[in-house]
N, C-alpha and C. Protein backbone atom coordinates (compact mmCIF):
# COMPACT_ATOMS: atom_id res chain seq x y z
N MET A 1 -22.50 47.31 68.42
CA MET A 1 -21.38 47.77 68.14
C MET A 1 -19.98 47.09 68.00
N LYS A 2 -20.79 45.77 68.41
CA LYS A 2 -19.40 44.49 68.19
C LYS A 2 -18.93 44.66 66.69
N LYS A 3 -20.45 44.90 66.00
CA LYS A 3 -19.39 45.14 64.28
C LYS A 3 -18.57 46.22 63.87
N THR A 4 -19.23 47.39 64.66
CA THR A 4 -18.24 48.20 64.16
C THR A 4 -16.69 47.93 64.59
N SER A 5 -16.37 47.69 65.51
CA SER A 5 -15.14 47.00 66.14
C SER A 5 -14.55 45.96 65.32
N ASN A 6 -15.33 44.91 65.13
CA ASN A 6 -14.54 44.07 64.09
C ASN A 6 -14.38 44.45 63.38
N HIS A 7 -15.31 45.64 62.23
CA HIS A 7 -14.55 46.90 61.00
C HIS A 7 -13.15 46.99 61.21
N ARG A 8 -13.54 47.81 62.63
CA ARG A 8 -11.92 48.49 62.47
C ARG A 8 -10.88 47.88 62.61
N ARG A 9 -10.94 46.80 63.12
CA ARG A 9 -9.85 45.74 63.51
C ARG A 9 -9.15 44.85 62.06
N GLN A 10 -10.03 44.98 61.36
CA GLN A 10 -10.08 44.34 59.99
C GLN A 10 -9.50 44.94 58.97
N ARG A 11 -9.53 46.80 59.29
CA ARG A 11 -9.25 47.62 58.16
C ARG A 11 -8.07 47.61 57.26
N GLY A 12 -7.22 47.40 57.94
CA GLY A 12 -5.83 47.51 57.46
C GLY A 12 -5.55 45.89 56.94
N ALA A 13 -6.34 45.33 56.98
CA ALA A 13 -5.49 43.25 57.03
C ALA A 13 -5.67 43.22 55.14
N ALA A 14 -6.86 43.85 54.37
CA ALA A 14 -6.79 43.37 52.83
C ALA A 14 -5.49 44.09 52.42
N LEU A 15 -5.11 45.31 52.88
CA LEU A 15 -4.05 46.13 52.52
C LEU A 15 -2.74 45.23 52.85
N VAL A 16 -2.69 44.66 54.29
CA VAL A 16 -1.25 44.03 54.78
C VAL A 16 -1.12 42.53 53.69
N GLU A 17 -2.25 41.99 53.44
CA GLU A 17 -2.14 40.61 52.67
C GLU A 17 -1.88 40.97 51.04
N LEU A 18 -2.25 42.11 50.34
CA LEU A 18 -1.70 42.56 49.18
C LEU A 18 -0.19 43.09 49.09
N ALA A 19 0.19 43.64 50.13
CA ALA A 19 1.42 43.77 50.25
C ALA A 19 2.72 42.35 50.31
N LEU A 20 1.81 41.56 51.26
CA LEU A 20 2.57 40.60 51.18
C LEU A 20 2.57 39.21 49.79
N ILE A 21 1.48 39.73 49.29
CA ILE A 21 1.17 38.67 48.30
C ILE A 21 1.81 39.34 46.93
N THR A 22 1.95 40.68 46.27
CA THR A 22 2.47 41.26 45.47
C THR A 22 3.80 40.84 44.75
N PRO A 23 4.77 40.84 46.09
CA PRO A 23 6.02 40.37 44.98
C PRO A 23 6.05 38.63 44.52
N LEU A 24 5.42 38.14 45.31
CA LEU A 24 4.90 36.42 44.73
C LEU A 24 4.25 36.84 43.35
N LEU A 25 3.24 37.26 43.53
CA LEU A 25 2.74 37.58 41.99
C LEU A 25 3.29 38.17 41.12
N LEU A 26 4.24 39.33 41.13
CA LEU A 26 5.16 39.85 40.47
C LEU A 26 6.07 38.73 39.93
N LEU A 27 6.64 38.16 41.04
CA LEU A 27 7.64 36.75 40.55
C LEU A 27 6.94 36.12 39.57
N LEU A 28 6.02 35.59 39.50
CA LEU A 28 5.32 34.80 38.78
C LEU A 28 5.03 35.43 37.37
N THR A 29 4.62 36.61 37.42
CA THR A 29 4.14 37.08 36.34
C THR A 29 5.45 37.36 35.25
N PHE A 30 7.04 37.88 35.95
CA PHE A 30 8.01 38.20 35.20
C PHE A 30 8.79 36.29 34.63
N ILE A 31 8.64 35.80 35.48
CA ILE A 31 8.99 33.88 35.07
C ILE A 31 7.99 33.60 33.92
N THR A 32 6.97 33.80 33.60
CA THR A 32 5.87 33.34 32.63
C THR A 32 6.01 34.21 31.68
N THR A 33 6.83 35.66 31.60
CA THR A 33 6.76 36.45 30.43
C THR A 33 8.23 35.76 30.13
N GLU A 34 9.00 35.46 30.70
CA GLU A 34 10.71 35.46 29.97
C GLU A 34 9.96 33.72 29.87
N PHE A 35 9.14 32.86 30.37
CA PHE A 35 9.22 31.84 30.10
C PHE A 35 9.00 31.62 28.21
N GLY A 36 7.91 32.48 28.15
CA GLY A 36 7.20 32.64 27.17
C GLY A 36 7.86 33.59 25.91
N ARG A 37 8.99 34.16 26.11
CA ARG A 37 9.59 34.58 25.25
C ARG A 37 10.62 33.51 24.90
N ALA A 38 11.50 33.21 25.83
CA ALA A 38 12.32 32.02 25.61
C ALA A 38 11.94 30.89 24.75
N MET A 39 10.46 30.56 24.95
CA MET A 39 9.72 29.60 24.01
C MET A 39 9.54 30.15 22.73
N TYR A 40 9.07 31.37 22.71
CA TYR A 40 8.81 31.88 21.28
C TYR A 40 10.04 32.40 20.88
N GLU A 41 11.41 32.52 20.94
CA GLU A 41 12.93 32.60 20.66
C GLU A 41 13.05 31.32 19.89
N TYR A 42 13.29 30.52 20.90
CA TYR A 42 13.19 29.03 20.58
C TYR A 42 12.66 28.32 19.32
N ASN A 43 11.25 28.57 19.13
CA ASN A 43 10.62 27.97 18.29
C ASN A 43 10.70 28.69 16.49
N LEU A 44 10.89 29.90 17.07
CA LEU A 44 11.81 31.03 15.85
C LEU A 44 12.87 30.25 15.11
N VAL A 45 14.34 29.84 15.80
CA VAL A 45 15.08 29.29 15.55
C VAL A 45 14.82 28.20 14.84
N VAL A 46 13.87 27.17 15.42
CA VAL A 46 13.64 26.09 15.07
C VAL A 46 12.72 26.31 13.52
N LYS A 47 11.99 27.01 13.67
CA LYS A 47 11.44 27.32 12.12
C LYS A 47 12.45 27.67 10.74
N SER A 48 13.37 28.68 11.53
CA SER A 48 14.44 29.03 10.79
C SER A 48 15.32 28.23 9.80
N THR A 49 15.49 27.10 10.81
CA THR A 49 16.30 26.17 10.36
C THR A 49 15.81 24.94 9.55
N ARG A 50 14.07 24.62 9.95
CA ARG A 50 13.56 23.92 9.11
C ARG A 50 13.62 24.33 7.51
N ASP A 51 13.42 25.86 7.28
CA ASP A 51 13.11 26.53 6.47
C ASP A 51 14.54 26.45 5.29
N ALA A 52 15.91 26.21 6.69
CA ALA A 52 16.94 26.38 5.56
C ALA A 52 17.02 25.20 5.00
N VAL A 53 16.82 23.81 5.72
CA VAL A 53 16.94 22.55 5.26
C VAL A 53 16.02 21.94 4.11
N ARG A 54 14.80 22.54 4.20
CA ARG A 54 14.00 22.52 3.14
C ARG A 54 14.42 23.24 1.74
N TYR A 55 15.11 24.55 2.03
CA TYR A 55 15.17 25.13 1.06
C TYR A 55 16.94 24.18 0.24
N LEU A 56 17.59 23.40 0.99
CA LEU A 56 18.98 22.99 0.81
C LEU A 56 18.31 21.27 0.25
N SER A 57 17.36 20.95 0.50
CA SER A 57 16.79 19.65 -0.07
C SER A 57 16.14 19.75 -1.51
N VAL A 58 16.36 20.95 -1.91
CA VAL A 58 16.02 20.75 -3.46
C VAL A 58 17.27 21.36 -4.17
N GLN A 59 18.30 21.97 -3.35
CA GLN A 59 19.55 22.06 -4.08
C GLN A 59 20.47 20.89 -4.40
N THR A 60 21.39 21.08 -5.47
CA THR A 60 22.77 20.03 -5.51
C THR A 60 23.44 19.75 -4.44
N PRO A 61 24.01 18.86 -3.73
CA PRO A 61 24.42 18.35 -2.40
C PRO A 61 26.09 19.43 -2.52
N ASN A 62 26.09 19.83 -1.15
CA ASN A 62 27.23 20.68 -0.83
C ASN A 62 27.39 22.00 -1.50
N SER A 63 26.40 22.54 -2.18
CA SER A 63 26.05 23.91 -2.80
C SER A 63 25.07 24.74 -1.66
N HIS A 64 25.21 26.02 -2.20
CA HIS A 64 24.16 26.92 -1.77
C HIS A 64 24.20 26.78 -0.16
N ILE A 65 25.59 26.81 0.61
CA ILE A 65 25.27 26.52 1.82
C ILE A 65 25.46 28.12 2.63
N ALA A 66 26.31 29.42 2.10
CA ALA A 66 26.19 30.55 2.38
C ALA A 66 24.73 30.89 2.31
N GLU A 67 24.07 30.29 1.32
CA GLU A 67 22.65 31.15 1.19
C GLU A 67 21.39 30.53 2.42
N ALA A 68 22.34 29.53 2.70
CA ALA A 68 21.04 28.54 3.70
C ALA A 68 21.72 29.08 5.04
N ARG A 69 22.96 29.63 5.62
CA ARG A 69 23.19 30.14 6.55
C ARG A 69 22.61 31.58 6.82
N ASN A 70 22.49 32.19 5.79
CA ASN A 70 21.77 33.65 5.79
C ASN A 70 20.36 33.26 6.21
N LEU A 71 19.80 32.34 5.58
CA LEU A 71 18.24 32.19 5.99
C LEU A 71 18.13 31.67 7.02
N MET A 72 18.63 31.14 7.86
CA MET A 72 18.73 30.24 9.03
C MET A 72 18.79 31.53 10.30
N VAL A 73 19.65 32.61 9.79
CA VAL A 73 19.75 33.77 10.64
C VAL A 73 18.77 34.95 10.54
N PHE A 74 19.06 35.09 9.11
CA PHE A 74 18.17 36.61 8.65
C PHE A 74 16.90 36.23 8.42
N GLY A 75 16.79 35.30 7.59
CA GLY A 75 15.08 34.86 7.28
C GLY A 75 15.00 35.23 5.58
N ASN A 76 16.13 35.25 5.26
CA ASN A 76 16.60 35.62 3.16
C ASN A 76 18.10 35.14 3.34
N ILE A 77 17.75 34.55 1.91
CA ILE A 77 19.00 34.02 1.68
C ILE A 77 20.28 35.24 0.84
N ASP A 78 19.57 36.65 0.79
CA ASP A 78 20.82 37.64 0.65
C ASP A 78 21.60 37.83 2.14
N GLY A 79 20.98 37.71 3.09
CA GLY A 79 21.90 37.73 4.56
C GLY A 79 21.92 39.35 4.88
N THR A 80 20.51 40.16 4.66
CA THR A 80 20.52 41.32 5.00
C THR A 80 19.66 41.53 5.95
N GLY A 81 19.66 42.60 6.40
CA GLY A 81 18.52 42.81 8.00
C GLY A 81 19.05 42.55 9.02
N VAL A 82 18.16 42.42 10.30
CA VAL A 82 18.15 42.19 11.47
C VAL A 82 18.69 40.53 11.84
N PRO A 83 18.93 39.78 12.36
CA PRO A 83 18.71 38.52 12.84
C PRO A 83 17.51 38.18 13.28
N LEU A 84 17.16 37.04 13.15
CA LEU A 84 15.58 36.62 13.51
C LEU A 84 15.44 37.11 15.08
N ALA A 85 16.31 36.49 15.59
CA ALA A 85 15.99 36.05 17.04
C ALA A 85 17.44 37.08 17.75
N ARG A 86 17.19 37.68 18.93
CA ARG A 86 18.41 38.32 19.46
C ARG A 86 19.17 37.01 20.04
N GLY A 87 20.79 37.91 19.91
CA GLY A 87 21.43 36.77 20.00
C GLY A 87 21.86 35.75 18.69
N LEU A 88 21.41 35.67 17.69
CA LEU A 88 21.67 34.53 16.96
C LEU A 88 22.14 35.10 15.62
N SER A 89 23.71 34.86 15.32
CA SER A 89 24.39 35.43 14.76
C SER A 89 25.10 33.73 13.74
N LEU A 90 25.70 34.82 12.45
CA LEU A 90 26.27 33.71 11.75
C LEU A 90 27.00 32.54 12.63
N ALA A 91 27.93 33.21 13.39
CA ALA A 91 28.86 32.53 14.33
C ALA A 91 28.24 31.40 14.83
N ASN A 92 26.51 31.16 15.36
CA ASN A 92 26.12 30.03 15.39
C ASN A 92 25.76 29.13 14.53
N VAL A 93 26.27 29.40 13.49
CA VAL A 93 26.14 28.16 12.26
C VAL A 93 27.37 28.01 11.67
N PRO A 94 28.09 27.96 12.00
CA PRO A 94 29.25 27.50 11.23
C PRO A 94 29.31 26.92 10.08
N ALA A 95 30.50 27.61 8.62
CA ALA A 95 30.23 26.95 7.64
C ALA A 95 30.40 25.75 7.31
N GLY A 96 31.48 25.00 7.89
CA GLY A 96 31.94 24.08 7.94
C GLY A 96 30.97 23.00 8.66
N SER A 97 30.48 23.05 9.84
CA SER A 97 29.65 21.73 10.24
C SER A 97 27.91 22.26 10.28
N CYS A 98 27.58 23.28 9.69
CA CYS A 98 26.28 23.44 9.61
C CYS A 98 25.35 22.88 8.91
N CYS A 99 25.84 22.38 7.52
CA CYS A 99 24.88 21.81 6.61
C CYS A 99 25.65 20.41 6.24
N THR A 100 25.18 19.38 6.22
CA THR A 100 26.03 18.22 5.97
C THR A 100 24.94 17.21 5.16
N TRP A 101 26.02 16.36 4.29
CA TRP A 101 24.99 15.76 3.06
C TRP A 101 25.28 13.99 3.59
N GLN A 102 24.01 13.02 3.88
CA GLN A 102 24.24 11.69 4.07
C GLN A 102 23.84 10.76 3.30
N THR A 103 24.41 9.88 2.21
CA THR A 103 23.98 9.00 1.91
C THR A 103 23.80 7.67 2.60
N THR A 104 22.72 7.08 2.48
CA THR A 104 22.67 5.97 2.83
C THR A 104 21.73 5.02 1.87
N GLY A 105 21.30 3.73 2.12
CA GLY A 105 20.74 2.83 1.56
C GLY A 105 21.90 2.03 0.31
N ALA A 106 20.91 1.15 0.09
CA ALA A 106 21.44 0.35 -1.07
C ALA A 106 20.55 0.78 -2.57
N ASN A 107 19.16 0.03 -2.28
CA ASN A 107 18.62 0.31 -3.52
C ASN A 107 17.24 0.54 -3.02
N PRO A 108 16.30 1.97 -2.48
CA PRO A 108 17.30 2.88 -3.76
C PRO A 108 18.02 3.81 -2.29
N LEU A 109 19.04 4.47 -2.99
CA LEU A 109 20.00 5.33 -2.67
C LEU A 109 19.48 6.24 -1.84
N ILE A 110 19.19 7.00 -1.08
CA ILE A 110 18.58 7.86 -0.18
C ILE A 110 19.91 9.01 -0.03
N THR A 111 19.17 10.07 0.12
CA THR A 111 20.32 11.26 0.62
C THR A 111 19.63 12.09 1.27
N THR A 112 20.11 12.52 2.43
CA THR A 112 19.28 13.44 3.05
C THR A 112 20.37 14.60 3.90
N VAL A 113 20.01 15.47 4.01
CA VAL A 113 20.54 16.96 4.37
C VAL A 113 20.39 17.26 5.90
N THR A 114 21.54 17.74 6.42
CA THR A 114 20.97 18.11 7.60
C THR A 114 21.58 19.42 7.89
N VAL A 115 20.81 20.85 8.60
CA VAL A 115 21.54 21.74 9.24
C VAL A 115 21.10 21.75 10.48
N ARG A 116 22.38 22.72 11.52
CA ARG A 116 22.82 22.70 12.63
C ARG A 116 22.75 24.08 13.25
N ILE A 117 22.42 24.70 14.16
CA ILE A 117 22.52 25.58 14.48
C ILE A 117 22.95 25.45 16.06
N SER A 118 24.32 25.97 16.54
CA SER A 118 24.71 25.46 17.47
C SER A 118 24.64 26.81 18.60
N SER A 119 24.73 26.34 19.90
CA SER A 119 25.14 27.21 21.02
C SER A 119 24.05 28.33 20.84
N TYR A 120 22.85 28.35 20.30
CA TYR A 120 21.85 30.02 20.56
C TYR A 120 21.79 29.69 21.99
N THR A 121 22.11 31.21 22.24
CA THR A 121 21.67 31.90 23.50
C THR A 121 20.77 32.97 23.53
N PHE A 122 19.65 32.44 24.46
CA PHE A 122 18.60 33.15 24.90
C PHE A 122 19.15 33.96 25.87
N HIS A 123 18.54 35.12 25.79
CA HIS A 123 19.07 36.56 26.51
C HIS A 123 17.74 37.06 27.55
N SER A 124 17.72 36.86 28.94
CA SER A 124 16.94 37.37 29.56
C SER A 124 16.75 38.46 29.48
N LEU A 125 15.70 39.24 29.78
CA LEU A 125 15.65 40.91 30.24
C LEU A 125 15.89 40.99 31.42
N PHE A 126 15.30 39.94 32.39
CA PHE A 126 15.55 40.13 33.83
C PHE A 126 16.30 38.90 34.50
N PRO A 127 17.93 39.52 34.19
CA PRO A 127 18.32 38.13 34.92
C PRO A 127 17.92 37.68 35.95
N SER A 128 17.47 38.56 37.12
CA SER A 128 17.49 37.74 38.13
C SER A 128 15.96 38.97 38.85
N VAL A 129 15.09 38.11 39.68
CA VAL A 129 14.46 38.95 40.03
C VAL A 129 14.35 38.46 41.49
N MET A 130 14.51 39.57 42.42
CA MET A 130 14.12 39.20 43.93
C MET A 130 14.84 38.41 44.02
N GLY A 131 16.50 37.94 43.73
CA GLY A 131 17.63 37.15 43.65
C GLY A 131 17.42 35.76 43.43
N ILE A 132 16.21 35.50 42.50
CA ILE A 132 16.02 34.12 41.97
C ILE A 132 16.66 34.53 40.58
N ALA A 133 17.60 33.85 39.97
CA ALA A 133 18.10 33.77 38.56
C ALA A 133 17.33 33.07 37.48
N PHE A 134 17.22 33.35 36.42
CA PHE A 134 16.28 32.09 35.56
C PHE A 134 17.35 31.27 34.72
N ALA A 135 18.32 32.33 34.32
CA ALA A 135 19.53 31.05 33.99
C ALA A 135 20.76 31.45 34.79
N ASP A 136 21.74 31.73 33.83
CA ASP A 136 23.37 32.19 34.75
C ASP A 136 22.95 33.34 35.09
N ALA A 137 24.14 33.64 35.80
CA ALA A 137 24.27 35.36 36.38
C ALA A 137 24.27 36.20 35.81
N ASN A 138 24.40 36.13 33.76
CA ASN A 138 24.01 37.09 33.02
C ASN A 138 22.31 37.19 32.70
N GLY A 139 21.74 36.01 32.60
CA GLY A 139 20.66 36.01 32.26
C GLY A 139 20.37 35.35 31.14
N ASP A 140 21.35 34.55 30.22
CA ASP A 140 21.61 34.19 29.53
C ASP A 140 21.16 32.41 29.73
N LEU A 141 20.57 31.51 28.73
CA LEU A 141 20.06 30.86 28.73
C LEU A 141 20.72 29.97 27.12
N VAL A 142 21.80 29.04 27.25
CA VAL A 142 22.19 28.34 26.17
C VAL A 142 21.21 27.15 25.55
N PHE A 143 20.82 27.39 24.96
CA PHE A 143 20.23 25.77 24.23
C PHE A 143 21.21 24.92 23.34
N SER A 144 20.46 23.64 23.70
CA SER A 144 21.54 22.80 23.10
C SER A 144 21.49 22.79 21.73
N ASP A 145 22.17 22.23 20.91
CA ASP A 145 22.01 22.26 19.13
C ASP A 145 20.75 21.85 18.76
N ILE A 146 20.30 23.06 17.71
CA ILE A 146 19.32 22.69 17.04
C ILE A 146 19.17 22.57 15.75
N THR A 147 18.85 20.74 15.22
CA THR A 147 19.02 20.48 14.06
C THR A 147 17.31 19.97 13.33
N ALA A 148 17.74 19.85 11.99
CA ALA A 148 16.44 19.42 10.91
C ALA A 148 17.35 18.76 10.31
N THR A 149 16.58 17.52 9.67
CA THR A 149 16.86 16.97 8.61
C THR A 149 16.04 16.37 7.49
N MET A 150 16.10 16.46 6.80
CA MET A 150 15.14 16.06 5.36
C MET A 150 15.59 15.21 3.98
N ARG A 151 15.00 14.97 3.56
CA ARG A 151 15.13 13.94 2.22
C ARG A 151 15.74 15.33 1.24
N ALA A 152 17.06 14.43 0.75
CA ALA A 152 17.49 15.24 -0.52
C ALA A 152 17.24 14.77 -2.25
N PRO A 153 17.09 15.41 -2.97
CA PRO A 153 17.48 14.49 -4.24
C PRO A 153 18.91 13.80 -4.53
N SER A 154 18.39 12.41 -4.85
CA SER A 154 19.98 11.67 -5.13
C SER A 154 20.46 12.43 -6.37
């Protein structure tokens, strides 16, 4: 009979343990999901920056800047469609400072082109979970400037 009474005392223990651990498991799930989304969108923006610098590296210096900006934001040189990442716009790629060419060296003379996306903001789906904020109060995480540099024809 001792086994039966012990079993009765333990009947609700699993349910109580589940109730205590579920919030922590949900928190870990949301954090992992948002971190994965942030990394995905960051890599998407980095790839579009690389595509734009690759495009400009075969163009005449100081030309095709508008097409490169469109390539960084929309993924095509026409500037049509939706932005590649949520929150990415042409405002993140200012025309005056997005694309710069530099000449270095003496013999041989090397020209490089650099493209930049500034202040890209990741918008979290869950600004906070159980009072724990992922980024700022709105759930926004601002990345530092994303740049890519490549050698251009001289």
